[in-house]
Structure formats: structure tokens, C-alpha cells
Amino acid sequence: MDSRGRARTAARLAPAAGGLSILLTITIGALGPSAMVPGLPGRPWQPPYSLGLAPGGHLVVALAAAALVLGAVGLAAGLAYPGRMPRARTLVVAGCAAAAVLAFLPPSGSADHLNYAAYGRMAALAHDPYVTVPADLPADPVVGRVEEWTRTPSVYGPVATAVQALASHVGGESVRLTVFVMALVNAAAFIATGLLLHRAAAGDPVRQRRAALLWTANPLVVYELVAGMHLDTVAIAFVVAGLAARRGVPLGLGVAVKATVGLVALGTAWELRRNPRRLALVAGLAALTALVAYLLAGPHALDQLLNASKSVSLATPWKLAQRALQALFGPGAYRAWIQAGSLLLLAALAVLLLRGRPEADREGPVVALAVAVAWLFATPYALPWYDGLGFALLALVAWPGLEAFLVARLAVLSLAYLPARQADQPRDLGWLVDVVRAWVAPSLLLALTIALLWWAARSAGRVRTPRAPAAPRPSGPSPESRSPSR
């Protein structure tokens, strides 16, 4: 098949596969409580709504797997030929409409929103969510619904806690209404990010299509961040606003939602390095905003974050390293090695990625993206929805080749955490965790990380050794122009 044929195929495949993927994601929530969708106690008339059909675990997990595979295929096809996709405005409207619909459906894929509701309830009841754990309030109608993190205090920033507390004040003892308020905030953040990215690419229709494919109409991002209702969406909205406007307050607010997005501030600092006064103002406002927020949250706001930074999640390549180090040196001996290794990998990846860009092209969003991608691939603790940061930043930067690595990574991680919720799972699907998440995904991500290092090193080599300029053409008419056929 020639290039035109491939482009025509992509123009049909991408919208069909991506649209069907999002439709399946909506269907999972609409079916009601299941292995993918935790039940939400509350009055029946309160949103979010569902059909309450209680589908079987095998069905909803299969629907989710199909949504992820179709989403990855459609996204890859669309990004290969963004100029052949529907108009950017159509993609943005479709993605925003899907986000609005999902806000009125129960979240799916994980039970993190139950944790959010519990921490908000603690704050509303004057308990410190950075010290109190859900197990301390088992009889509470909201806190008692937490499924997995019953002995874990909040790891989220003070702005996230403020949103959760606001939702709790509105929802009261209703888990359903509390979650709905947070879903509205999450959908609004997702839509605002999409509109900011669309505006940032104004004047270039192909670039606007690509931005919409990477964020607003991205089936994998919709599945993880919108249907999953993860707080990363709110943090990303703030940092995208801060990067686009070069303002410190939004960056500080993003850090006060989730501290790890503060890596993006390196891009703004790099872009403003030749303007010390402006840099000092932006950096000062960002630091002051985050500092005030964390001071108001109390002395324990960073405790759990520091503990989590030492953890290794099951699907990352570092889990393979942890097993090997434990076999050699015993339990507990792996932490220092893995932390050092992850920092070295982060630095190496970031440097290679940046060297792969011409020096004149190393602007703020480029630096922010390079550091964010390096962190995503290097961090020992990563979950699928973390990758939303990489896609949002990639929508701001034209970086051919890099998007394939992010699509592959998010597809692998999403399938590995299918679902991230463990309650109500069919027993015969335990292999999804024991085999896919524990062994297959880390191995695939290790291979993908090595491939990214190789690709980045090759790109850096090409930039360092540019081709020699072509020899000047002789003056006067060329032999071809003097030929009889001319």
C-alpha cells in the first residue's frame, strides 16, 4: 500500500476506532456498579447516574480491554496522519461532549475517587487527612466506603484537599453526590486544558488537530483521566495554563494539587533565563503560591508524599530490579540502589532528549516535555494516569517520533492496570495482576525504555554531527537546461 492508501486508511480507521473506544468507556460507566465501577451509596435521584444493571466482571473487563486496544490503534493512526483527521474543532467538541457525559456517570477503572471523597470528608469534619487514615473512621458513611487505602493518609496537595473538602460540604453523607461534585471539577479541568491547547496551536490547522488527538479526543486519556476521575487532570490544567501564559501562580497551584508536576516549572525557568527579573517574578510567585498552600495545610502535608517516593509500583521495570536486588542482598536493600538508578536514568534521558533538539528550538515547553517524559520513564512509582502530563505537554510541542513512545507506554500501563480496582474481581482473572502486571508489563516497559534511550541517543548524534552543506551549484545554465529535450 502506498502512502496515499495508508493515509486514506488512517483517515477512516482513526475516528472509527477512537470513537468506538470512547463509546465503550461510556458504556462501562452507564452499566452501573461492577468489577470496573465501585458502587456509590446515596439517594437514587442524585447524580451520577447509571442503568444499575450490575454486569459481570468478565464482560466489563473485556469491554475495557477492547476500549484500550481500539483507543491505542485509533490514536496511533490519527497521529500518523493528523492532516487527514476531522477538523480540530470537531475533535475538540467531541472530546468535550464525552467528558460532559462521563461526569454524569460513575467513575470507572479504579477506586481512587472513594479515597478522594474520604479525605474531603475528613477535612470537612476537622480531621487532618494527612494524619488521619480511613481506618480511623470506619463507621462514617463516606470514609467507611474506602476499598484499598484504608491505612494510608492523603498523598495529595492542599489544593486537591480543598476541592475534596468542598465536594464533601456539598455532598454531606452521600458518597454519590460528593463524587459527582469532584467529577464536575475534573471534567471542567479536562475541557479547560483542551481549549488552552487548541488556542496555543491557533493558526495551524494540522497542529490543532494533533493537539486535539493528543488530549481532548485521546481515547486513552479519556479512559484514564476523565472516566477514571483522577486528580492529575486538575494539576495538568494548572501547569498547562502556567506554561502557556508564563505565569507563576498557576504553576504553584498545580504543585499544590500534585507536587510531582513541579518538574514542568523547569521549562518556564529555562525560557526566562535571559530575563532575570521576569524569572524571579514567575519563580517567586510559583514558590510563594505553593508554599502558602502547604503551610495552610499543616506540617504533615508532605509526609505521605515522601513515603510514596520510596515505593516501587508493580508494573514498572524497577520492580524487576527490586526482585533481583532482594534476591542478592535481602529485603530492604534495594531502595538506595533503585533511587540512585532512577535519578541517573532521569538525567540521562532528559539530556539526550534535549540534545536531540537544535539549540535554537529548546524553548520552555520543549524543556518541560523532555523532563516530564524522562521522569515518566525513570520513576520507580508510576500509574497509567500519570502519563496525562506527557500527552498534554506533547500537544504544545512538535516532536516527531516521541509520541509513539508515549502511546505505547500508556497502552501497556493501562492494560496492566485492568482494572486498577481489586474489589469484586472474578477469581479466574487473577493472572491479570500476577502475570500481566507483575511480569509482562515491566518487561515490555523495560524494552520500551531501552528503545527510547537508543532513539534519543541517535537523535542527539544527528544534531551534533549535521550533514555537510551541499556544494555550490555552478553558475550559468546547467547541462540539463541545454539538452535537446528542453
Protein backbone atom coordinates (compact mmCIF):
# COMPACT_ATOMS: atom_id res chain seq x y z
CA MET A 1 0.00 0.00 0.00
CA ASP A 2 1.39 3.39 -0.99
CA SER A 3 1.44 6.46 1.23
CA ARG A 4 -1.85 7.76 -0.12
CA GLY A 5 -3.53 4.46 0.58
CA ARG A 6 -2.17 4.40 4.12
CA ALA A 7 -3.39 7.96 4.67
CA ARG A 8 -6.88 7.05 3.42
CA THR A 9 -6.95 4.00 5.70
CA ALA A 10 -5.85 6.08 8.70
CA ALA A 11 -8.48 8.72 7.90
CA ARG A 12 -11.17 6.03 8.22
CA LEU A 13 -9.61 3.93 10.99
CA ALA A 14 -8.65 6.63 13.50
CA PRO A 15 -12.08 8.27 14.01
CA ALA A 16 -13.87 4.90 13.95
CA ALA A 17 -11.56 3.14 16.41
CA GLY A 18 -11.17 6.18 18.66
CA GLY A 19 -14.89 6.91 18.70
CA LEU A 20 -15.78 3.28 19.45
CA SER A 21 -13.18 3.23 22.24
CA ILE A 22 -14.74 6.26 23.94
CA LEU A 23 -18.21 4.79 23.45
CA LEU A 24 -17.13 1.57 25.19
CA THR A 25 -15.66 3.62 28.04
CA ILE A 26 -19.00 5.43 28.43
CA THR A 27 -20.83 2.08 28.31
CA ILE A 28 -18.81 0.70 31.23
CA GLY A 29 -19.94 3.55 33.48
CA ALA A 30 -23.50 3.54 32.18
CA LEU A 31 -23.96 -0.16 33.02
CA GLY A 32 -23.54 0.62 36.71
CA PRO A 33 -21.67 -0.99 39.63
CA SER A 34 -19.36 -3.81 38.57
CA ALA A 35 -15.80 -5.04 38.84
CA MET A 36 -14.83 -1.84 36.99
CA VAL A 37 -17.24 0.56 38.73
CA PRO A 38 -17.43 0.86 42.54
CA GLY A 39 -20.91 1.37 43.94
CA LEU A 40 -21.76 4.88 45.16
CA PRO A 41 -24.20 4.99 48.10
CA GLY A 42 -26.62 7.89 48.05
CA ARG A 43 -30.17 8.79 47.15
CA PRO A 44 -31.27 7.36 43.77
CA TRP A 45 -32.14 10.76 42.30
CA GLN A 46 -28.65 12.13 42.95
CA PRO A 47 -26.03 12.11 40.19
CA PRO A 48 -24.01 10.40 38.88
CA TYR A 49 -26.49 8.10 37.17
CA SER A 50 -26.31 4.62 35.70
CA LEU A 51 -28.60 1.84 34.49
CA GLY A 52 -27.74 -0.25 37.56
CA LEU A 53 -27.52 -3.47 35.52
CA ALA A 54 -24.68 -4.94 37.62
CA PRO A 55 -22.84 -6.54 34.66
CA GLY A 56 -20.45 -9.44 35.22
CA GLY A 57 -16.76 -8.87 35.82
CA HIS A 58 -15.65 -10.71 32.69
CA LEU A 59 -17.86 -8.54 30.50
CA VAL A 60 -16.74 -5.16 31.82
CA VAL A 61 -13.06 -6.12 31.88
CA ALA A 62 -13.38 -7.30 28.28
CA LEU A 63 -15.10 -4.03 27.35
CA ALA A 64 -12.27 -2.08 28.99
CA ALA A 65 -9.61 -4.15 27.20
CA ALA A 66 -11.35 -3.55 23.88
CA ALA A 67 -11.61 0.18 24.62
CA LEU A 68 -7.89 0.38 25.34
CA VAL A 69 -6.77 -1.61 22.30
CA LEU A 70 -9.09 0.29 19.95
CA GLY A 71 -8.04 3.57 21.55
CA ALA A 72 -4.34 2.85 21.06
CA VAL A 73 -4.84 1.78 17.43
CA GLY A 74 -7.02 4.79 16.62
CA LEU A 75 -4.67 7.21 18.34
CA ALA A 76 -1.61 5.84 16.57
CA ALA A 77 -3.34 6.02 13.19
CA GLY A 78 -4.54 9.56 13.79
CA LEU A 79 -1.15 10.83 14.90
CA ALA A 80 0.50 9.26 11.85
CA TYR A 81 -1.67 11.41 9.56
CA PRO A 82 -3.04 14.31 11.61
CA GLY A 83 -3.73 16.35 8.48
CA ARG A 84 -6.24 13.72 7.32
CA MET A 85 -8.25 13.76 10.54
CA PRO A 86 -11.55 15.64 11.06
CA ARG A 87 -11.35 19.36 11.74
CA ALA A 88 -9.77 20.29 15.05
CA ARG A 89 -12.94 21.99 16.21
CA THR A 90 -14.92 18.80 15.58
CA LEU A 91 -12.42 16.75 17.59
CA VAL A 92 -12.44 19.25 20.46
CA VAL A 93 -16.25 19.40 20.60
CA ALA A 94 -16.50 15.59 20.51
CA GLY A 95 -13.96 15.20 23.32
CA CYS A 96 -15.59 17.86 25.47
CA ALA A 97 -19.01 16.26 24.93
CA ALA A 98 -17.63 12.88 26.02
CA ALA A 99 -16.15 14.47 29.15
CA ALA A 100 -19.51 16.09 29.98
CA VAL A 101 -21.33 12.77 29.59
CA LEU A 102 -18.78 10.91 31.72
CA ALA A 103 -19.14 13.49 34.51
CA PHE A 104 -22.73 12.26 34.96
CA LEU A 105 -21.70 8.59 35.05
CA PRO A 106 -19.98 6.81 37.95
CA PRO A 107 -16.17 6.74 37.63
CA SER A 108 -14.63 3.52 36.38
CA GLY A 109 -11.32 1.69 36.36
CA SER A 110 -10.16 2.35 39.91
CA ALA A 111 -11.47 3.22 43.36
CA ASP A 112 -9.32 6.33 43.86
CA HIS A 113 -12.36 8.60 43.88
CA LEU A 114 -13.52 6.87 47.06
CA ASN A 115 -10.21 7.90 48.65
CA TYR A 116 -10.73 11.48 47.44
CA ALA A 117 -14.20 11.55 48.96
CA ALA A 118 -12.87 10.18 52.24
CA TYR A 119 -10.09 12.75 52.54
CA GLY A 120 -12.57 15.53 51.76
CA ARG A 121 -14.92 14.21 54.41
CA MET A 122 -12.09 14.14 56.96
CA ALA A 123 -11.24 17.76 56.21
CA ALA A 124 -14.90 18.77 56.40
CA LEU A 125 -15.13 17.10 59.83
CA ALA A 126 -11.98 18.94 61.03
CA HIS A 127 -9.76 15.86 60.88
CA ASP A 128 -6.30 16.24 59.31
CA PRO A 129 -6.34 13.99 56.19
CA TYR A 130 -2.52 13.99 56.22
CA VAL A 131 -2.54 12.24 59.60
CA THR A 132 -5.91 10.52 59.85
CA VAL A 133 -6.43 7.30 57.87
CA PRO A 134 -9.78 5.88 56.72
CA ALA A 135 -9.45 3.00 59.19
CA ASP A 136 -9.73 5.57 61.99
CA LEU A 137 -13.32 6.37 60.95
CA PRO A 138 -14.78 3.04 59.81
CA ALA A 139 -18.36 3.90 60.77
CA ASP A 140 -18.50 7.11 58.75
CA PRO A 141 -20.86 6.74 55.74
CA VAL A 142 -18.30 8.26 53.36
CA VAL A 143 -14.90 7.38 54.85
CA GLY A 144 -16.05 3.83 55.52
CA ARG A 145 -16.50 3.22 51.77
CA VAL A 146 -12.75 3.27 51.03
CA GLU A 147 -11.77 -0.06 49.49
CA GLU A 148 -7.99 -0.31 49.40
CA TRP A 149 -6.07 2.56 51.01
CA THR A 150 -7.70 2.20 54.41
CA ARG A 151 -4.45 2.80 56.32
CA THR A 152 -2.96 5.48 54.08
CA PRO A 153 -3.27 9.23 54.76
CA SER A 154 -3.62 11.66 51.86
CA VAL A 155 -0.74 11.97 49.43
CA TYR A 156 -2.37 14.86 47.55
CA GLY A 157 -1.61 18.55 47.81
CA PRO A 158 -3.62 21.15 49.72
CA VAL A 159 -5.48 22.46 46.66
CA ALA A 160 -6.63 18.91 45.94
CA THR A 161 -7.75 18.60 49.55
CA ALA A 162 -9.63 21.89 49.25
CA VAL A 163 -11.54 20.58 46.22
CA GLN A 164 -12.29 17.35 48.07
CA ALA A 165 -13.47 19.25 51.15
CA LEU A 166 -15.73 21.48 49.02
CA ALA A 167 -17.26 18.39 47.43
CA SER A 168 -17.79 16.90 50.89
CA HIS A 169 -19.55 20.03 52.13
CA VAL A 170 -21.92 19.80 49.16
CA GLY A 171 -22.36 16.04 49.28
CA GLY A 172 -22.60 15.60 53.04
CA GLU A 173 -23.07 11.92 53.89
CA SER A 174 -23.77 10.98 50.27
CA VAL A 175 -20.81 9.33 48.57
CA ARG A 176 -22.63 9.67 45.27
CA LEU A 177 -23.13 13.42 45.41
CA THR A 178 -19.63 14.02 46.79
CA VAL A 179 -18.10 12.12 43.88
CA PHE A 180 -20.31 13.95 41.39
CA VAL A 181 -19.07 17.37 42.53
CA MET A 182 -15.47 16.20 42.10
CA ALA A 183 -16.36 14.76 38.68
CA LEU A 184 -17.68 18.16 37.58
CA VAL A 185 -14.41 19.81 38.65
CA ASN A 186 -12.42 17.10 36.88
CA ALA A 187 -14.40 17.43 33.63
CA ALA A 188 -14.09 21.23 33.74
CA ALA A 189 -10.30 20.92 34.16
CA PHE A 190 -10.09 18.47 31.24
CA ILE A 191 -12.14 20.73 28.97
CA ALA A 192 -10.21 23.85 30.01
CA THR A 193 -6.92 22.11 29.18
CA GLY A 194 -8.25 21.10 25.78
CA LEU A 195 -9.32 24.65 24.99
CA LEU A 196 -5.95 26.05 26.12
CA LEU A 197 -4.09 23.58 23.90
CA HIS A 198 -6.39 24.37 20.98
CA ARG A 199 -5.74 28.08 21.40
CA ALA A 200 -1.98 27.57 21.74
CA ALA A 201 -1.93 25.99 18.27
CA ALA A 202 -4.07 28.71 16.66
CA GLY A 203 -3.24 29.47 13.05
CA ASP A 204 -2.03 25.96 12.22
CA PRO A 205 -4.91 23.54 11.44
CA VAL A 206 -2.70 20.43 11.40
CA ARG A 207 -1.11 21.34 14.72
CA GLN A 208 -4.55 21.98 16.20
CA ARG A 209 -5.73 18.56 15.02
CA ARG A 210 -2.67 16.96 16.58
CA ALA A 211 -3.27 18.79 19.88
CA ALA A 212 -6.88 17.57 19.94
CA LEU A 213 -5.79 13.99 19.19
CA LEU A 214 -3.23 14.06 21.99
CA TRP A 215 -5.60 15.41 24.63
CA THR A 216 -9.28 16.21 24.10
CA ALA A 217 -10.09 13.36 21.68
CA ASN A 218 -7.46 10.96 23.01
CA PRO A 219 -9.33 7.73 23.94
CA LEU A 220 -6.60 6.61 26.36
CA VAL A 221 -6.55 9.94 28.19
CA VAL A 222 -10.36 9.99 28.31
CA TYR A 223 -10.34 6.46 29.76
CA GLU A 224 -7.74 7.18 32.44
CA LEU A 225 -8.26 10.81 33.42
CA VAL A 226 -11.93 11.50 32.69
CA ALA A 227 -13.67 8.17 33.23
CA GLY A 228 -11.17 7.36 35.99
CA MET A 229 -11.63 10.84 37.52
CA HIS A 230 -8.06 11.22 38.67
CA LEU A 231 -6.80 14.43 40.26
CA ASP A 232 -3.92 14.58 37.79
CA THR A 233 -6.40 16.27 35.43
CA VAL A 234 -6.68 19.30 37.70
CA ALA A 235 -2.91 19.53 38.23
CA ILE A 236 -2.30 19.33 34.47
CA ALA A 237 -4.83 22.11 33.79
CA PHE A 238 -2.91 24.45 36.11
CA VAL A 239 0.56 23.70 34.72
CA VAL A 240 -0.58 23.97 31.10
CA ALA A 241 -2.07 27.38 31.94
CA GLY A 242 1.17 28.37 33.66
CA LEU A 243 3.33 27.26 30.74
CA ALA A 244 1.12 28.84 28.11
CA ALA A 245 0.94 32.20 29.90
CA ARG A 246 4.37 32.03 31.63
CA ARG A 247 2.69 32.79 34.93
CA GLY A 248 3.82 31.62 38.35
CA VAL A 249 0.52 31.37 40.23
CA PRO A 250 -0.98 28.59 38.04
CA LEU A 251 2.28 26.64 38.29
CA GLY A 252 2.21 26.98 42.07
CA LEU A 253 -1.42 25.83 42.19
CA GLY A 254 -0.52 22.79 40.07
CA VAL A 255 2.21 21.86 42.54
CA ALA A 256 -0.31 22.31 45.34
CA VAL A 257 -2.54 19.72 43.67
CA LYS A 258 0.23 17.20 42.99
CA ALA A 259 3.82 18.02 43.81
CA THR A 260 5.42 15.96 41.03
CA VAL A 261 4.08 18.26 38.29
CA GLY A 262 6.50 20.87 39.61
CA LEU A 263 9.04 19.38 37.18
CA VAL A 264 7.28 21.37 34.48
CA ALA A 265 8.45 24.62 36.09
CA LEU A 266 11.96 23.86 34.81
CA GLY A 267 10.69 24.64 31.33
CA THR A 268 9.47 28.09 32.32
CA ALA A 269 12.71 28.75 34.20
CA TRP A 270 14.74 27.80 31.11
CA GLU A 271 12.68 30.01 28.82
CA LEU A 272 13.04 33.04 31.11
CA ARG A 273 16.73 32.51 31.95
CA ARG A 274 17.78 35.56 29.89
CA ASN A 275 15.29 37.77 31.72
CA PRO A 276 16.32 37.55 35.39
CA ARG A 277 13.66 39.93 36.65
CA ARG A 278 10.86 38.10 34.90
CA LEU A 279 12.28 34.76 36.02
CA ALA A 280 12.48 35.93 39.62
CA LEU A 281 8.88 37.17 39.49
CA VAL A 282 7.45 33.98 37.97
CA ALA A 283 9.53 31.67 40.15
CA GLY A 284 8.78 33.71 43.25
CA LEU A 285 5.03 33.69 42.65
CA ALA A 286 5.02 29.95 41.92
CA ALA A 287 7.05 29.17 45.03
CA LEU A 288 5.02 31.54 47.20
CA THR A 289 1.70 30.09 45.99
CA ALA A 290 2.78 26.51 46.67
CA LEU A 291 4.43 27.43 49.99
CA VAL A 292 1.38 29.26 51.33
CA ALA A 293 -0.88 26.38 50.30
CA TYR A 294 1.27 23.76 52.02
CA LEU A 295 1.72 25.92 55.13
CA LEU A 296 -2.04 26.30 55.43
CA ALA A 297 -2.40 22.53 55.07
CA GLY A 298 -0.28 21.89 58.15
CA PRO A 299 3.09 20.33 59.00
CA HIS A 300 2.22 16.82 57.75
CA ALA A 301 1.12 17.71 54.21
CA LEU A 302 4.28 16.23 52.65
CA ASP A 303 4.74 13.21 54.93
CA GLN A 304 2.98 10.63 52.78
CA LEU A 305 4.43 12.07 49.58
CA LEU A 306 7.95 11.47 50.90
CA ASN A 307 7.00 7.91 51.84
CA ALA A 308 5.46 7.26 48.42
CA SER A 309 8.63 8.49 46.68
CA LYS A 310 10.42 5.42 48.05
CA SER A 311 7.86 2.94 46.68
CA VAL A 312 8.09 0.79 43.56
CA SER A 313 4.87 0.11 41.67
CA LEU A 314 4.20 -3.33 40.30
CA ALA A 315 4.22 -2.59 36.56
CA THR A 316 7.42 -0.53 36.25
CA PRO A 317 10.74 -2.03 35.15
CA TRP A 318 12.12 -1.17 38.58
CA LYS A 319 10.00 -3.99 40.03
CA LEU A 320 12.23 -6.41 38.11
CA ALA A 321 15.29 -4.67 39.55
CA GLN A 322 13.79 -4.83 43.04
CA ARG A 323 13.30 -8.59 42.81
CA ALA A 324 16.87 -9.10 41.58
CA LEU A 325 18.37 -6.89 44.31
CA GLN A 326 16.31 -8.57 47.02
CA ALA A 327 17.49 -11.97 45.83
CA LEU A 328 21.11 -10.81 46.02
CA PHE A 329 21.14 -8.62 49.14
CA GLY A 330 17.95 -9.38 51.06
CA PRO A 331 14.79 -7.40 51.81
CA GLY A 332 15.08 -3.63 52.08
CA ALA A 333 18.47 -3.43 50.39
CA TYR A 334 17.08 -2.27 47.09
CA ARG A 335 15.78 1.21 47.92
CA ALA A 336 19.03 3.19 47.70
CA TRP A 337 20.09 1.43 44.50
CA ILE A 338 16.75 2.00 42.80
CA GLN A 339 16.51 5.63 43.84
CA ALA A 340 20.03 6.31 42.56
CA GLY A 341 19.38 4.40 39.35
CA SER A 342 16.11 6.21 38.67
CA LEU A 343 17.78 9.62 39.14
CA LEU A 344 20.60 8.66 36.77
CA LEU A 345 18.13 7.41 34.18
CA LEU A 346 16.04 10.57 34.51
CA ALA A 347 19.08 12.79 33.98
CA ALA A 348 20.40 10.73 31.06
CA LEU A 349 17.05 10.65 29.29
CA ALA A 350 16.38 14.36 29.77
CA VAL A 351 19.86 15.32 28.49
CA LEU A 352 19.65 13.02 25.45
CA LEU A 353 16.16 14.20 24.56
CA LEU A 354 17.20 17.85 24.75
CA ARG A 355 20.38 17.26 22.76
CA GLY A 356 18.19 15.77 20.08
CA ARG A 357 16.66 19.20 19.51
CA PRO A 358 18.51 22.08 17.82
CA GLU A 359 19.73 24.57 20.40
CA ALA A 360 17.53 27.33 19.00
CA ASP A 361 14.50 25.04 19.47
CA ARG A 362 14.99 24.33 23.18
CA GLU A 363 12.18 26.54 24.41
CA GLY A 364 10.28 26.30 27.66
CA PRO A 365 7.64 23.73 26.62
CA VAL A 366 10.36 21.61 24.98
CA VAL A 367 12.41 21.51 28.18
CA ALA A 368 9.30 20.83 30.27
CA LEU A 369 8.31 17.94 27.98
CA ALA A 370 11.80 16.42 27.97
CA VAL A 371 11.98 16.45 31.76
CA ALA A 372 8.42 15.15 32.16
CA VAL A 373 8.97 12.27 29.72
CA ALA A 374 12.28 11.40 31.38
CA TRP A 375 10.52 11.34 34.76
CA LEU A 376 7.67 9.16 33.50
CA PHE A 377 10.08 6.57 32.11
CA ALA A 378 12.51 6.75 35.05
CA THR A 379 10.31 6.94 38.14
CA PRO A 380 10.01 3.73 40.16
CA TYR A 381 6.38 4.51 41.03
CA ALA A 382 4.09 5.17 38.08
CA LEU A 383 0.42 4.58 37.34
CA PRO A 384 -1.29 4.98 33.94
CA TRP A 385 -2.97 8.30 34.66
CA TYR A 386 0.39 9.92 35.40
CA ASP A 387 1.06 9.85 31.64
CA GLY A 388 -1.58 12.50 31.05
CA LEU A 389 1.08 15.10 31.85
CA GLY A 390 3.25 13.88 28.99
CA PHE A 391 0.40 13.99 26.48
CA ALA A 392 -0.66 17.50 27.49
CA LEU A 393 2.89 18.83 27.11
CA LEU A 394 3.41 16.95 23.84
CA ALA A 395 0.34 18.77 22.48
CA LEU A 396 2.30 22.02 22.94
CA VAL A 397 5.42 20.79 21.11
CA ALA A 398 6.04 19.30 17.67
CA TRP A 399 8.33 16.35 18.38
CA PRO A 400 8.08 13.68 15.64
CA GLY A 401 8.77 10.19 16.91
CA LEU A 402 8.34 10.87 20.60
CA GLU A 403 4.57 10.49 20.56
CA ALA A 404 4.87 6.82 19.52
CA PHE A 405 6.73 6.04 22.75
CA LEU A 406 4.09 7.76 24.88
CA VAL A 407 1.22 6.00 23.12
CA ALA A 408 2.90 2.61 23.53
CA ARG A 409 3.73 3.27 27.18
CA LEU A 410 0.22 4.36 28.14
CA ALA A 411 -1.33 1.44 26.28
CA VAL A 412 0.89 -1.06 28.11
CA LEU A 413 0.35 0.54 31.52
CA SER A 414 -3.41 0.84 31.04
CA LEU A 415 -3.72 -2.80 30.07
CA ALA A 416 -1.51 -3.75 33.03
CA TYR A 417 -3.87 -1.95 35.42
CA LEU A 418 -7.00 -3.53 34.01
CA PRO A 419 -8.62 -2.71 36.28
CA ALA A 420 -6.74 -0.79 38.95
CA ARG A 421 -9.55 -1.70 41.36
CA GLN A 422 -9.18 -5.07 43.11
CA ALA A 423 -12.55 -5.46 44.85
CA ASP A 424 -15.23 -7.61 43.18
CA GLN A 425 -12.80 -9.12 40.67
CA PRO A 426 -13.50 -12.59 39.22
CA ARG A 427 -11.10 -15.07 40.79
CA ASP A 428 -10.08 -16.58 37.48
CA LEU A 429 -8.79 -13.17 36.32
CA GLY A 430 -6.07 -13.05 38.97
CA TRP A 431 -3.49 -13.64 36.22
CA LEU A 432 -4.06 -10.07 35.09
CA VAL A 433 -2.20 -8.97 38.22
CA ASP A 434 0.08 -11.94 38.86
CA VAL A 435 1.31 -12.28 35.28
CA VAL A 436 0.45 -9.23 33.17
CA ARG A 437 1.00 -6.51 35.77
CA ALA A 438 3.85 -8.20 37.63
CA TRP A 439 5.89 -9.58 34.72
CA VAL A 440 4.67 -8.81 31.21
CA ALA A 441 4.20 -5.05 31.63
CA PRO A 442 7.56 -4.43 33.41
CA SER A 443 9.37 -6.39 30.70
CA LEU A 444 7.63 -4.52 27.88
CA LEU A 445 8.26 -1.15 29.54
CA LEU A 446 11.92 -2.06 30.07
CA ALA A 447 12.25 -2.78 26.34
CA LEU A 448 10.42 0.47 25.55
CA THR A 449 12.73 2.45 27.85
CA ILE A 450 15.82 0.98 26.20
CA ALA A 451 14.34 1.80 22.79
CA LEU A 452 13.69 5.39 23.89
CA LEU A 453 17.28 5.74 25.11
CA TRP A 454 18.58 4.42 21.79
CA TRP A 455 16.26 6.71 19.79
CA ALA A 456 17.17 9.75 21.88
CA ALA A 457 20.90 9.00 21.55
CA ARG A 458 20.57 8.68 17.77
CA SER A 459 18.65 11.95 17.59
CA ALA A 460 21.30 13.66 19.71
CA GLY A 461 24.03 12.30 17.43
CA ARG A 462 22.35 13.65 14.33
CA VAL A 463 22.08 17.12 15.85
CA ARG A 464 25.74 17.12 16.97
CA THR A 465 27.00 15.98 13.55
CA PRO A 466 24.91 17.84 10.97
CA ARG A 467 25.30 16.99 7.32
CA ALA A 468 27.91 18.90 5.37
CA PRO A 469 26.43 21.68 3.24
CA ALA A 470 25.87 20.82 -0.38
CA ALA A 471 28.49 22.05 -2.87
CA PRO A 472 27.53 25.32 -4.59
CA ARG A 473 25.96 24.85 -7.98
CA PRO A 474 27.92 26.27 -10.93
CA SER A 475 26.68 29.48 -12.40
CA GLY A 476 25.21 29.55 -15.85
CA PRO A 477 22.83 27.11 -17.47
CA SER A 478 23.04 23.52 -16.35
CA PRO A 479 23.67 20.67 -18.78
CA GLU A 480 20.03 19.65 -18.43
CA SER A 481 18.83 23.11 -19.50
CA ARG A 482 20.94 22.83 -22.67
CA SER A 483 19.64 19.37 -23.58
CA PRO A 484 17.57 18.98 -26.76
CA SER A 485 14.54 17.85 -24.77
CA ARG A 486 14.41 21.26 -23.10
